[in-house]
Amino acid sequence: MSDSVRVLVVDDDFRVAKIHAAYVERTRGFTVCGQAHSAEQALAAVAALRPDLVLMDVYLPDGDGLGVIRKLLEGADEGVHPDFVVITAARDVDTVRTAMQLGAVHYLVKPFGYPAMAEKLT
């Protein structure tokens, strides 16, 4: 589908990334264009794949997802960057506030099932 929303899944846990990718693929109008498991991989994947949406984990082995979002926003040409859904186990006010200030369109707290993901995607 050429008109589908292209999604990059970023999560340090390969199994969790696979589950989230399956959720995306189950959702009409969305397709997974790639997966990344570290901050470095996420930055490279966004540059190479140009996704429309990034599902961003906060805790990554070489940094944090909010830092990745910050770097992507700083390097964006004229505001051209993917949208972000922050997906994490973090429930603290500072993390949620920072994600929203950075422009995350949604915030999902792990663990969650397909219905919660589908609701946020659609």
PDB file of N, CA and C in Angstrom:
ATOM      1  N   MET A   1       0.827  -1.176   0.000  1.00  0.00           N
ATOM      2  CA  MET A   1       0.000   0.000   0.000  1.00  0.00           C
ATOM      3  C   MET A   1       0.881   1.253   0.000  1.00  0.00           C
ATOM      4  N   SER A   2       0.781   2.021  -1.042  1.00  0.00           N
ATOM      5  CA  SER A   2       1.617   3.209  -1.130  1.00  0.00           C
ATOM      6  C   SER A   2       1.096   4.353  -0.274  1.00  0.00           C
ATOM      7  N   ASP A   3      -0.183   4.348   0.079  1.00  0.00           N
ATOM      8  CA  ASP A   3      -0.736   5.438   0.868  1.00  0.00           C
ATOM      9  C   ASP A   3      -0.763   5.113   2.362  1.00  0.00           C
ATOM     10  N   SER A   4      -0.137   4.033   2.772  1.00  0.00           N
ATOM     11  CA  SER A   4      -0.130   3.678   4.186  1.00  0.00           C
ATOM     12  C   SER A   4       0.911   4.503   4.943  1.00  0.00           C
ATOM     13  N   VAL A   5       0.685   4.650   6.239  1.00  0.00           N
ATOM     14  CA  VAL A   5       1.607   5.360   7.111  1.00  0.00           C
ATOM     15  C   VAL A   5       2.778   4.434   7.391  1.00  0.00           C
ATOM     16  N   ARG A   6       3.985   4.900   7.092  1.00  0.00           N
ATOM     17  CA  ARG A   6       5.197   4.103   7.273  1.00  0.00           C
ATOM     18  C   ARG A   6       5.714   4.299   8.685  1.00  0.00           C
ATOM     19  N   VAL A   7       5.877   3.197   9.416  1.00  0.00           N
ATOM     20  CA  VAL A   7       6.212   3.242  10.836  1.00  0.00           C
ATOM     21  C   VAL A   7       7.553   2.576  11.115  1.00  0.00           C
ATOM     22  N   LEU A   8       8.388   3.280  11.891  1.00  0.00           N
ATOM     23  CA  LEU A   8       9.633   2.715  12.403  1.00  0.00           C
ATOM     24  C   LEU A   8       9.398   2.357  13.862  1.00  0.00           C
ATOM     25  N   VAL A   9       9.712   1.125  14.231  1.00  0.00           N
ATOM     26  CA  VAL A   9       9.555   0.656  15.606  1.00  0.00           C
ATOM     27  C   VAL A   9      10.926   0.676  16.279  1.00  0.00           C
ATOM     28  N   VAL A  10      11.029   1.415  17.400  1.00  0.00           N
ATOM     29  CA  VAL A  10      12.291   1.514  18.135  1.00  0.00           C
ATOM     30  C   VAL A  10      12.074   0.964  19.538  1.00  0.00           C
ATOM     31  N   ASP A  11      12.745  -0.128  19.851  1.00  0.00           N
ATOM     32  CA  ASP A  11      12.685  -0.724  21.188  1.00  0.00           C
ATOM     33  C   ASP A  11      13.934  -1.546  21.395  1.00  0.00           C
ATOM     34  N   ASP A  12      14.539  -1.443  22.582  1.00  0.00           N
ATOM     35  CA  ASP A  12      15.775  -2.178  22.844  1.00  0.00           C
ATOM     36  C   ASP A  12      15.550  -3.681  22.926  1.00  0.00           C
ATOM     37  N   ASP A  13      14.349  -4.091  23.276  1.00  0.00           N
ATOM     38  CA  ASP A  13      14.020  -5.511  23.391  1.00  0.00           C
ATOM     39  C   ASP A  13      13.494  -6.012  22.042  1.00  0.00           C
ATOM     40  N   PHE A  14      14.243  -6.916  21.418  1.00  0.00           N
ATOM     41  CA  PHE A  14      13.887  -7.429  20.093  1.00  0.00           C
ATOM     42  C   PHE A  14      12.502  -8.067  20.080  1.00  0.00           C
ATOM     43  N   ARG A  15      12.168  -8.777  21.154  1.00  0.00           N
ATOM     44  CA  ARG A  15      10.854  -9.430  21.218  1.00  0.00           C
ATOM     45  C   ARG A  15       9.730  -8.416  21.293  1.00  0.00           C
ATOM     46  N   VAL A  16       9.912  -7.399  22.098  1.00  0.00           N
ATOM     47  CA  VAL A  16       8.893  -6.351  22.223  1.00  0.00           C
ATOM     48  C   VAL A  16       8.749  -5.607  20.898  1.00  0.00           C
ATOM     49  N   ALA A  17       9.861  -5.311  20.244  1.00  0.00           N
ATOM     50  CA  ALA A  17       9.806  -4.639  18.942  1.00  0.00           C
ATOM     51  C   ALA A  17       9.029  -5.474  17.934  1.00  0.00           C
ATOM     52  N   LYS A  18       9.241  -6.766  17.968  1.00  0.00           N
ATOM     53  CA  LYS A  18       8.530  -7.670  17.055  1.00  0.00           C
ATOM     54  C   LYS A  18       7.026  -7.654  17.325  1.00  0.00           C
ATOM     55  N   ILE A  19       6.652  -7.639  18.597  1.00  0.00           N
ATOM     56  CA  ILE A  19       5.226  -7.586  18.963  1.00  0.00           C
ATOM     57  C   ILE A  19       4.618  -6.266  18.488  1.00  0.00           C
ATOM     58  N   HIS A  20       5.303  -5.157  18.750  1.00  0.00           N
ATOM     59  CA  HIS A  20       4.784  -3.857  18.333  1.00  0.00           C
ATOM     60  C   HIS A  20       4.678  -3.773  16.814  1.00  0.00           C
ATOM     61  N   ALA A  21       5.660  -4.331  16.121  1.00  0.00           N
ATOM     62  CA  ALA A  21       5.612  -4.347  14.655  1.00  0.00           C
ATOM     63  C   ALA A  21       4.405  -5.150  14.168  1.00  0.00           C
ATOM     64  N   ALA A  22       4.118  -6.266  14.822  1.00  0.00           N
ATOM     65  CA  ALA A  22       2.950  -7.069  14.447  1.00  0.00           C
ATOM     66  C   ALA A  22       1.662  -6.289  14.676  1.00  0.00           C
ATOM     67  N   TYR A  23       1.597  -5.541  15.773  1.00  0.00           N
ATOM     68  CA  TYR A  23       0.417  -4.696  16.039  1.00  0.00           C
ATOM     69  C   TYR A  23       0.233  -3.668  14.930  1.00  0.00           C
ATOM     70  N   VAL A  24       1.326  -3.043  14.519  1.00  0.00           N
ATOM     71  CA  VAL A  24       1.248  -2.042  13.459  1.00  0.00           C
ATOM     72  C   VAL A  24       0.732  -2.679  12.179  1.00  0.00           C
ATOM     73  N   GLU A  25       1.294  -3.834  11.824  1.00  0.00           N
ATOM     74  CA  GLU A  25       0.900  -4.508  10.587  1.00  0.00           C
ATOM     75  C   GLU A  25      -0.570  -4.945  10.600  1.00  0.00           C
ATOM     76  N   ARG A  26      -1.111  -5.205  11.783  1.00  0.00           N
ATOM     77  CA  ARG A  26      -2.529  -5.580  11.912  1.00  0.00           C
ATOM     78  C   ARG A  26      -3.460  -4.396  11.709  1.00  0.00           C
ATOM     79  N   THR A  27      -2.931  -3.200  11.779  1.00  0.00           N
ATOM     80  CA  THR A  27      -3.750  -1.991  11.743  1.00  0.00           C
ATOM     81  C   THR A  27      -3.839  -1.453  10.323  1.00  0.00           C
ATOM     82  N   ARG A  28      -5.039  -1.380   9.829  1.00  0.00           N
ATOM     83  CA  ARG A  28      -5.275  -0.929   8.464  1.00  0.00           C
ATOM     84  C   ARG A  28      -4.715   0.479   8.253  1.00  0.00           C
ATOM     85  N   GLY A  29      -3.999   0.631   7.155  1.00  0.00           N
ATOM     86  CA  GLY A  29      -3.439   1.927   6.802  1.00  0.00           C
ATOM     87  C   GLY A  29      -2.042   2.174   7.351  1.00  0.00           C
ATOM     88  N   PHE A  30      -1.467   1.176   8.034  1.00  0.00           N
ATOM     89  CA  PHE A  30      -0.131   1.319   8.623  1.00  0.00           C
ATOM     90  C   PHE A  30       0.741   0.150   8.195  1.00  0.00           C
ATOM     91  N   THR A  31       2.014   0.435   7.968  1.00  0.00           N
ATOM     92  CA  THR A  31       2.964  -0.608   7.630  1.00  0.00           C
ATOM     93  C   THR A  31       4.305  -0.316   8.299  1.00  0.00           C
ATOM     94  N   VAL A  32       5.009  -1.354   8.669  1.00  0.00           N
ATOM     95  CA  VAL A  32       6.326  -1.198   9.302  1.00  0.00           C
ATOM     96  C   VAL A  32       7.372  -1.076   8.210  1.00  0.00           C
ATOM     97  N   CYS A  33       8.169   0.002   8.301  1.00  0.00           N
ATOM     98  CA  CYS A  33       9.243   0.177   7.319  1.00  0.00           C
ATOM     99  C   CYS A  33      10.584  -0.252   7.899  1.00  0.00           C
ATOM    100  N   GLY A  34      10.652  -0.469   9.233  1.00  0.00           N
ATOM    101  CA  GLY A  34      11.898  -0.910   9.835  1.00  0.00           C
ATOM    102  C   GLY A  34      11.816  -0.978  11.349  1.00  0.00           C
ATOM    103  N   GLN A  35      12.882  -1.542  11.937  1.00  0.00           N
ATOM    104  CA  GLN A  35      13.006  -1.634  13.387  1.00  0.00           C
ATOM    105  C   GLN A  35      14.421  -1.201  13.776  1.00  0.00           C
ATOM    106  N   ALA A  36      14.523  -0.608  14.961  1.00  0.00           N
ATOM    107  CA  ALA A  36      15.825  -0.219  15.507  1.00  0.00           C
ATOM    108  C   ALA A  36      15.829  -0.580  16.985  1.00  0.00           C
ATOM    109  N   HIS A  37      17.023  -0.879  17.520  1.00  0.00           N
ATOM    110  CA  HIS A  37      17.115  -1.363  18.898  1.00  0.00           C
ATOM    111  C   HIS A  37      18.075  -0.537  19.759  1.00  0.00           C
ATOM    112  N   SER A  38      18.503   0.608  19.242  1.00  0.00           N
ATOM    113  CA  SER A  38      19.372   1.504  19.998  1.00  0.00           C
ATOM    114  C   SER A  38      19.143   2.923  19.492  1.00  0.00           C
ATOM    115  N   ALA A  39      19.657   3.894  20.232  1.00  0.00           N
ATOM    116  CA  ALA A  39      19.543   5.291  19.811  1.00  0.00           C
ATOM    117  C   ALA A  39      20.271   5.516  18.484  1.00  0.00           C
ATOM    118  N   GLU A  40      21.481   4.971  18.384  1.00  0.00           N
ATOM    119  CA  GLU A  40      22.268   5.123  17.153  1.00  0.00           C
ATOM    120  C   GLU A  40      21.528   4.521  15.954  1.00  0.00           C
ATOM    121  N   GLN A  41      20.991   3.317  16.130  1.00  0.00           N
ATOM    122  CA  GLN A  41      20.237   2.678  15.047  1.00  0.00           C
ATOM    123  C   GLN A  41      18.990   3.481  14.690  1.00  0.00           C
ATOM    124  N   ALA A  42      18.333   4.046  15.687  1.00  0.00           N
ATOM    125  CA  ALA A  42      17.121   4.829  15.439  1.00  0.00           C
ATOM    126  C   ALA A  42      17.434   6.060  14.592  1.00  0.00           C
ATOM    127  N   LEU A  43      18.497   6.782  14.940  1.00  0.00           N
ATOM    128  CA  LEU A  43      18.881   7.963  14.173  1.00  0.00           C
ATOM    129  C   LEU A  43      19.208   7.595  12.721  1.00  0.00           C
ATOM    130  N   ALA A  44      19.955   6.512  12.548  1.00  0.00           N
ATOM    131  CA  ALA A  44      20.326   6.069  11.201  1.00  0.00           C
ATOM    132  C   ALA A  44      19.092   5.609  10.418  1.00  0.00           C
ATOM    133  N   ALA A  45      18.194   4.899  11.082  1.00  0.00           N
ATOM    134  CA  ALA A  45      16.999   4.378  10.407  1.00  0.00           C
ATOM    135  C   ALA A  45      16.069   5.503   9.967  1.00  0.00           C
ATOM    136  N   VAL A  46      15.913   6.512  10.800  1.00  0.00           N
ATOM    137  CA  VAL A  46      15.064   7.645  10.406  1.00  0.00           C
ATOM    138  C   VAL A  46      15.665   8.332   9.180  1.00  0.00           C
ATOM    139  N   ALA A  47      16.969   8.526   9.185  1.00  0.00           N
ATOM    140  CA  ALA A  47      17.632   9.172   8.041  1.00  0.00           C
ATOM    141  C   ALA A  47      17.489   8.338   6.763  1.00  0.00           C
ATOM    142  N   ALA A  48      17.643   7.035   6.889  1.00  0.00           N
ATOM    143  CA  ALA A  48      17.619   6.154   5.714  1.00  0.00           C
ATOM    144  C   ALA A  48      16.206   5.843   5.229  1.00  0.00           C
ATOM    145  N   LEU A  49      15.287   5.631   6.171  1.00  0.00           N
ATOM    146  CA  LEU A  49      13.954   5.135   5.812  1.00  0.00           C
ATOM    147  C   LEU A  49      12.894   6.216   5.674  1.00  0.00           C
ATOM    148  N   ARG A  50      13.119   7.362   6.281  1.00  0.00           N
ATOM    149  CA  ARG A  50      12.163   8.470   6.256  1.00  0.00           C
ATOM    150  C   ARG A  50      10.744   8.034   6.636  1.00  0.00           C
ATOM    151  N   PRO A  51      10.568   7.460   7.837  1.00  0.00           N
ATOM    152  CA  PRO A  51       9.233   7.021   8.252  1.00  0.00           C
ATOM    153  C   PRO A  51       8.311   8.210   8.501  1.00  0.00           C
ATOM    154  N   ASP A  52       7.015   7.941   8.459  1.00  0.00           N
ATOM    155  CA  ASP A  52       6.018   8.957   8.788  1.00  0.00           C
ATOM    156  C   ASP A  52       5.819   9.037  10.301  1.00  0.00           C
ATOM    157  N   LEU A  53       6.004   7.891  10.961  1.00  0.00           N
ATOM    158  CA  LEU A  53       5.745   7.771  12.390  1.00  0.00           C
ATOM    159  C   LEU A  53       6.816   6.889  13.022  1.00  0.00           C
ATOM    160  N   VAL A  54       7.270   7.265  14.224  1.00  0.00           N
ATOM    161  CA  VAL A  54       8.224   6.457  14.971  1.00  0.00           C
ATOM    162  C   VAL A  54       7.590   6.073  16.301  1.00  0.00           C
ATOM    163  N   LEU A  55       7.553   4.775  16.590  1.00  0.00           N
ATOM    164  CA  LEU A  55       7.166   4.288  17.907  1.00  0.00           C
ATOM    165  C   LEU A  55       8.455   4.236  18.713  1.00  0.00           C
ATOM    166  N   MET A  56       8.619   5.153  19.662  1.00  0.00           N
ATOM    167  CA  MET A  56       9.899   5.357  20.327  1.00  0.00           C
ATOM    168  C   MET A  56       9.883   4.902  21.778  1.00  0.00           C
ATOM    169  N   ASP A  57      10.724   3.926  22.080  1.00  0.00           N
ATOM    170  CA  ASP A  57      10.955   3.505  23.456  1.00  0.00           C
ATOM    171  C   ASP A  57      11.822   4.569  24.129  1.00  0.00           C
ATOM    172  N   VAL A  58      11.665   4.752  25.427  1.00  0.00           N
ATOM    173  CA  VAL A  58      12.481   5.733  26.142  1.00  0.00           C
ATOM    174  C   VAL A  58      13.830   5.148  26.532  1.00  0.00           C
ATOM    175  N   TYR A  59      13.829   3.927  27.064  1.00  0.00           N
ATOM    176  CA  TYR A  59      15.063   3.338  27.579  1.00  0.00           C
ATOM    177  C   TYR A  59      15.763   2.528  26.498  1.00  0.00           C
ATOM    178  N   LEU A  60      16.894   3.050  26.023  1.00  0.00           N
ATOM    179  CA  LEU A  60      17.690   2.395  24.995  1.00  0.00           C
ATOM    180  C   LEU A  60      19.090   2.169  25.549  1.00  0.00           C
ATOM    181  N   PRO A  61      19.814   1.178  25.036  1.00  0.00           N
ATOM    182  CA  PRO A  61      21.111   0.833  25.630  1.00  0.00           C
ATOM    183  C   PRO A  61      22.177   1.920  25.507  1.00  0.00           C
ATOM    184  N   ASP A  62      22.052   2.780  24.524  1.00  0.00           N
ATOM    185  CA  ASP A  62      23.082   3.793  24.295  1.00  0.00           C
ATOM    186  C   ASP A  62      22.548   5.219  24.404  1.00  0.00           C
ATOM    187  N   GLY A  63      21.450   5.384  25.089  1.00  0.00           N
ATOM    188  CA  GLY A  63      20.854   6.706  25.239  1.00  0.00           C
ATOM    189  C   GLY A  63      19.389   6.564  25.600  1.00  0.00           C
ATOM    190  N   ASP A  64      18.641   7.622  25.370  1.00  0.00           N
ATOM    191  CA  ASP A  64      17.210   7.500  25.623  1.00  0.00           C
ATOM    192  C   ASP A  64      16.425   8.024  24.431  1.00  0.00           C
ATOM    193  N   GLY A  65      15.239   7.509  24.297  1.00  0.00           N
ATOM    194  CA  GLY A  65      14.392   7.852  23.158  1.00  0.00           C
ATOM    195  C   GLY A  65      14.043   9.325  23.087  1.00  0.00           C
ATOM    196  N   LEU A  66      13.896   9.964  24.244  1.00  0.00           N
ATOM    197  CA  LEU A  66      13.587  11.390  24.239  1.00  0.00           C
ATOM    198  C   LEU A  66      14.760  12.192  23.675  1.00  0.00           C
ATOM    199  N   GLY A  67      15.966  11.757  23.968  1.00  0.00           N
ATOM    200  CA  GLY A  67      17.150  12.380  23.384  1.00  0.00           C
ATOM    201  C   GLY A  67      17.203  12.191  21.881  1.00  0.00           C
ATOM    202  N   VAL A  68      16.789  11.017  21.415  1.00  0.00           N
ATOM    203  CA  VAL A  68      16.738  10.752  19.973  1.00  0.00           C
ATOM    204  C   VAL A  68      15.733  11.696  19.316  1.00  0.00           C
ATOM    205  N   ILE A  69      14.560  11.826  19.930  1.00  0.00           N
ATOM    206  CA  ILE A  69      13.546  12.736  19.379  1.00  0.00           C
ATOM    207  C   ILE A  69      14.116  14.155  19.321  1.00  0.00           C
ATOM    208  N   ARG A  70      14.745  14.591  20.388  1.00  0.00           N
ATOM    209  CA  ARG A  70      15.331  15.931  20.448  1.00  0.00           C
ATOM    210  C   ARG A  70      16.327  16.138  19.298  1.00  0.00           C
ATOM    211  N   LYS A  71      17.219  15.164  19.081  1.00  0.00           N
ATOM    212  CA  LYS A  71      18.210  15.267  18.003  1.00  0.00           C
ATOM    213  C   LYS A  71      17.535  15.330  16.631  1.00  0.00           C
ATOM    214  N   LEU A  72      16.503  14.521  16.453  1.00  0.00           N
ATOM    215  CA  LEU A  72      15.801  14.511  15.168  1.00  0.00           C
ATOM    216  C   LEU A  72      15.095  15.837  14.918  1.00  0.00           C
ATOM    217  N   LEU A  73      14.520  16.413  15.952  1.00  0.00           N
ATOM    218  CA  LEU A  73      13.847  17.700  15.802  1.00  0.00           C
ATOM    219  C   LEU A  73      14.852  18.811  15.512  1.00  0.00           C
ATOM    220  N   GLU A  74      16.010  18.771  16.169  1.00  0.00           N
ATOM    221  CA  GLU A  74      17.047  19.785  15.951  1.00  0.00           C
ATOM    222  C   GLU A  74      17.601  19.718  14.538  1.00  0.00           C
ATOM    223  N   GLY A  75      17.685  18.516  13.986  1.00  0.00           N
ATOM    224  CA  GLY A  75      18.257  18.343  12.653  1.00  0.00           C
ATOM    225  C   GLY A  75      17.241  18.373  11.527  1.00  0.00           C
ATOM    226  N   ALA A  76      15.973  18.592  11.861  1.00  0.00           N
ATOM    227  CA  ALA A  76      14.921  18.550  10.839  1.00  0.00           C
ATOM    228  C   ALA A  76      14.964  19.784   9.942  1.00  0.00           C
ATOM    229  N   ASP A  77      14.782  19.561   8.651  1.00  0.00           N
ATOM    230  CA  ASP A  77      14.704  20.658   7.688  1.00  0.00           C
ATOM    231  C   ASP A  77      13.304  21.256   7.704  1.00  0.00           C
ATOM    232  N   GLU A  78      13.211  22.518   8.094  1.00  0.00           N
ATOM    233  CA  GLU A  78      11.943  23.255   8.083  1.00  0.00           C
ATOM    234  C   GLU A  78      10.803  22.463   8.716  1.00  0.00           C
ATOM    235  N   GLY A  79      11.068  21.826   9.831  1.00  0.00           N
ATOM    236  CA  GLY A  79      10.005  21.123  10.549  1.00  0.00           C
ATOM    237  C   GLY A  79       9.590  19.804   9.924  1.00  0.00           C
ATOM    238  N   VAL A  80      10.341  19.319   8.947  1.00  0.00           N
ATOM    239  CA  VAL A  80      10.000  18.052   8.312  1.00  0.00           C
ATOM    240  C   VAL A  80      10.644  16.921   9.117  1.00  0.00           C
ATOM    241  N   HIS A  81       9.823  16.212   9.851  1.00  0.00           N
ATOM    242  CA  HIS A  81      10.291  15.098  10.676  1.00  0.00           C
ATOM    243  C   HIS A  81       9.113  14.161  10.906  1.00  0.00           C
ATOM    244  N   PRO A  82       9.377  12.935  11.314  1.00  0.00           N
ATOM    245  CA  PRO A  82       8.256  12.029  11.581  1.00  0.00           C
ATOM    246  C   PRO A  82       7.511  12.452  12.839  1.00  0.00           C
ATOM    247  N   ASP A  83       6.301  11.950  12.972  1.00  0.00           N
ATOM    248  CA  ASP A  83       5.581  12.073  14.238  1.00  0.00           C
ATOM    249  C   ASP A  83       6.105  10.990  15.165  1.00  0.00           C
ATOM    250  N   PHE A  84       5.860  11.150  16.461  1.00  0.00           N
ATOM    251  CA  PHE A  84       6.359  10.196  17.446  1.00  0.00           C
ATOM    252  C   PHE A  84       5.251   9.761  18.394  1.00  0.00           C
ATOM    253  N   VAL A  85       5.217   8.452  18.666  1.00  0.00           N
ATOM    254  CA  VAL A  85       4.425   7.898  19.757  1.00  0.00           C
ATOM    255  C   VAL A  85       5.450   7.329  20.716  1.00  0.00           C
ATOM    256  N   VAL A  86       5.477   7.852  21.928  1.00  0.00           N
ATOM    257  CA  VAL A  86       6.429   7.379  22.935  1.00  0.00           C
ATOM    258  C   VAL A  86       5.825   6.161  23.620  1.00  0.00           C
ATOM    259  N   ILE A  87       6.598   5.075  23.643  1.00  0.00           N
ATOM    260  CA  ILE A  87       6.154   3.821  24.237  1.00  0.00           C
ATOM    261  C   ILE A  87       7.180   3.415  25.278  1.00  0.00           C
ATOM    262  N   THR A  88       6.750   3.332  26.540  1.00  0.00           N
ATOM    263  CA  THR A  88       7.708   3.076  27.606  1.00  0.00           C
ATOM    264  C   THR A  88       7.022   2.576  28.861  1.00  0.00           C
ATOM    265  N   ALA A  89       7.807   2.067  29.771  1.00  0.00           N
ATOM    266  CA  ALA A  89       7.301   1.698  31.088  1.00  0.00           C
ATOM    267  C   ALA A  89       7.336   2.898  32.028  1.00  0.00           C
ATOM    268  N   ALA A  90       7.978   3.982  31.602  1.00  0.00           N
ATOM    269  CA  ALA A  90       8.108   5.172  32.450  1.00  0.00           C
ATOM    270  C   ALA A  90       6.757   5.857  32.628  1.00  0.00           C
ATOM    271  N   ARG A  91       6.396   6.073  33.881  1.00  0.00           N
ATOM    272  CA  ARG A  91       5.133   6.743  34.199  1.00  0.00           C
ATOM    273  C   ARG A  91       5.359   8.060  34.934  1.00  0.00           C
ATOM    274  N   ASP A  92       6.625   8.401  35.179  1.00  0.00           N
ATOM    275  CA  ASP A  92       6.897   9.595  35.978  1.00  0.00           C
ATOM    276  C   ASP A  92       6.516  10.860  35.210  1.00  0.00           C
ATOM    277  N   VAL A  93       6.135  11.880  35.954  1.00  0.00           N
ATOM    278  CA  VAL A  93       5.647  13.125  35.386  1.00  0.00           C
ATOM    279  C   VAL A  93       6.680  13.791  34.482  1.00  0.00           C
ATOM    280  N   ASP A  94       7.945  13.781  34.871  1.00  0.00           N
ATOM    281  CA  ASP A  94       8.983  14.438  34.065  1.00  0.00           C
ATOM    282  C   ASP A  94       9.111  13.809  32.684  1.00  0.00           C
ATOM    283  N   THR A  95       9.076  12.480  32.623  1.00  0.00           N
ATOM    284  CA  THR A  95       9.203  11.803  31.329  1.00  0.00           C
ATOM    285  C   THR A  95       7.993  12.087  30.448  1.00  0.00           C
ATOM    286  N   VAL A  96       6.804  11.998  31.021  1.00  0.00           N
ATOM    287  CA  VAL A  96       5.580  12.263  30.254  1.00  0.00           C
ATOM    288  C   VAL A  96       5.580  13.718  29.777  1.00  0.00           C
ATOM    289  N   ARG A  97       5.899  14.635  30.651  1.00  0.00           N
ATOM    290  CA  ARG A  97       5.913  16.064  30.304  1.00  0.00           C
ATOM    291  C   ARG A  97       6.920  16.336  29.186  1.00  0.00           C
ATOM    292  N   THR A  98       8.115  15.776  29.313  1.00  0.00           N
ATOM    293  CA  THR A  98       9.138  15.996  28.286  1.00  0.00           C
ATOM    294  C   THR A  98       8.682  15.450  26.937  1.00  0.00           C
ATOM    295  N   ALA A  99       8.101  14.261  26.938  1.00  0.00           N
ATOM    296  CA  ALA A  99       7.606  13.667  25.687  1.00  0.00           C
ATOM    297  C   ALA A  99       6.575  14.586  25.026  1.00  0.00           C
ATOM    298  N   MET A 100       5.657  15.113  25.825  1.00  0.00           N
ATOM    299  CA  MET A 100       4.623  15.990  25.276  1.00  0.00           C
ATOM    300  C   MET A 100       5.229  17.320  24.792  1.00  0.00           C
ATOM    301  N   GLN A 101       6.179  17.855  25.538  1.00  0.00           N
ATOM    302  CA  GLN A 101       6.833  19.102  25.128  1.00  0.00           C
ATOM    303  C   GLN A 101       7.601  18.933  23.822  1.00  0.00           C
ATOM    304  N   LEU A 102       8.116  17.740  23.601  1.00  0.00           N
ATOM    305  CA  LEU A 102       8.831  17.460  22.353  1.00  0.00           C
ATOM    306  C   LEU A 102       7.877  17.222  21.187  1.00  0.00           C
ATOM    307  N   GLY A 103       6.586  17.123  21.476  1.00  0.00           N
ATOM    308  CA  GLY A 103       5.604  16.982  20.408  1.00  0.00           C
ATOM    309  C   GLY A 103       5.105  15.574  20.151  1.00  0.00           C
ATOM    310  N   ALA A 104       5.351  14.662  21.077  1.00  0.00           N
ATOM    311  CA  ALA A 104       4.822  13.296  20.892  1.00  0.00           C
ATOM    312  C   ALA A 104       3.311  13.367  20.704  1.00  0.00           C
ATOM    313  N   VAL A 105       2.806  12.639  19.732  1.00  0.00           N
ATOM    314  CA  VAL A 105       1.363  12.672  19.480  1.00  0.00           C
ATOM    315  C   VAL A 105       0.591  11.791  20.457  1.00  0.00           C
ATOM    316  N   HIS A 106       1.261  10.792  21.015  1.00  0.00           N
ATOM    317  CA  HIS A 106       0.662   9.923  22.031  1.00  0.00           C
ATOM    318  C   HIS A 106       1.753   9.366  22.927  1.00  0.00           C
ATOM    319  N   TYR A 107       1.306   8.785  24.052  1.00  0.00           N
ATOM    320  CA  TYR A 107       2.207   8.198  25.043  1.00  0.00           C
ATOM    321  C   TYR A 107       1.556   6.921  25.521  1.00  0.00           C
ATOM    322  N   LEU A 108       2.189   5.788  25.287  1.00  0.00           N
ATOM    323  CA  LEU A 108       1.657   4.489  25.700  1.00  0.00           C
ATOM    324  C   LEU A 108       2.549   3.888  26.774  1.00  0.00           C
ATOM    325  N   VAL A 109       1.940   3.429  27.853  1.00  0.00           N
ATOM    326  CA  VAL A 109       2.685   2.814  28.948  1.00  0.00           C
ATOM    327  C   VAL A 109       2.658   1.300  28.780  1.00  0.00           C
ATOM    328  N   LYS A 110       3.846   0.685  28.777  1.00  0.00           N
ATOM    329  CA  LYS A 110       3.972  -0.775  28.682  1.00  0.00           C
ATOM    330  C   LYS A 110       3.573  -1.405  30.005  1.00  0.00           C
ATOM    331  N   PRO A 111       3.063  -2.587  29.988  1.00  0.00           N
ATOM    332  CA  PRO A 111       2.636  -3.347  28.807  1.00  0.00           C
ATOM    333  C   PRO A 111       1.234  -2.917  28.372  1.00  0.00           C
ATOM    334  N   PHE A 112       0.942  -3.146  27.125  1.00  0.00           N
ATOM    335  CA  PHE A 112      -0.382  -2.856  26.581  1.00  0.00           C
ATOM    336  C   PHE A 112      -0.679  -3.870  25.491  1.00  0.00           C
ATOM    337  N   GLY A 113      -1.936  -4.003  25.146  1.00  0.00           N
ATOM    338  CA  GLY A 113      -2.352  -4.946  24.116  1.00  0.00           C
ATOM    339  C   GLY A 113      -2.631  -4.247  22.795  1.00  0.00           C
ATOM    340  N   TYR A 114      -3.018  -5.045  21.825  1.00  0.00           N
ATOM    341  CA  TYR A 114      -3.290  -4.507  20.501  1.00  0.00           C
ATOM    342  C   TYR A 114      -4.359  -3.417  20.497  1.00  0.00           C
ATOM    343  N   PRO A 115      -5.458  -3.554  21.239  1.00  0.00           N
ATOM    344  CA  PRO A 115      -6.484  -2.498  21.182  1.00  0.00           C
ATOM    345  C   PRO A 115      -5.949  -1.108  21.555  1.00  0.00           C
ATOM    346  N   ALA A 116      -5.074  -1.029  22.547  1.00  0.00           N
ATOM    347  CA  ALA A 116      -4.511   0.267  22.940  1.00  0.00           C
ATOM    348  C   ALA A 116      -3.639   0.832  21.823  1.00  0.00           C
ATOM    349  N   MET A 117      -2.837  -0.011  21.198  1.00  0.00           N
ATOM    350  CA  MET A 117      -1.986   0.436  20.092  1.00  0.00           C
ATOM    351  C   MET A 117      -2.852   0.905  18.910  1.00  0.00           C
ATOM    352  N   ALA A 118      -3.833   0.097  18.550  1.00  0.00           N
ATOM    353  CA  ALA A 118      -4.687   0.434  17.414  1.00  0.00           C
ATOM    354  C   ALA A 118      -5.415   1.756  17.659  1.00  0.00           C
ATOM    355  N   GLU A 119      -5.845   1.986  18.873  1.00  0.00           N
ATOM    356  CA  GLU A 119      -6.537   3.239  19.199  1.00  0.00           C
ATOM    357  C   GLU A 119      -5.606   4.431  18.985  1.00  0.00           C
ATOM    358  N   LYS A 120      -4.365   4.325  19.430  1.00  0.00           N
ATOM    359  CA  LYS A 120      -3.423   5.427  19.272  1.00  0.00           C
ATOM    360  C   LYS A 120      -3.034   5.633  17.818  1.00  0.00           C
ATOM    361  N   LEU A 121      -2.888   4.549  17.067  1.00  0.00           N
ATOM    362  CA  LEU A 121      -2.505   4.672  15.674  1.00  0.00           C
ATOM    363  C   LEU A 121      -3.620   5.315  14.839  1.00  0.00           C
ATOM    364  N   THR A 122      -4.836   4.910  15.109  1.00  0.00           N
ATOM    365  CA  THR A 122      -5.945   5.420  14.293  1.00  0.00           C
ATOM    366  C   THR A 122      -6.512   6.702  14.850  1.00  0.00           C
TER     367      THR A 122
END
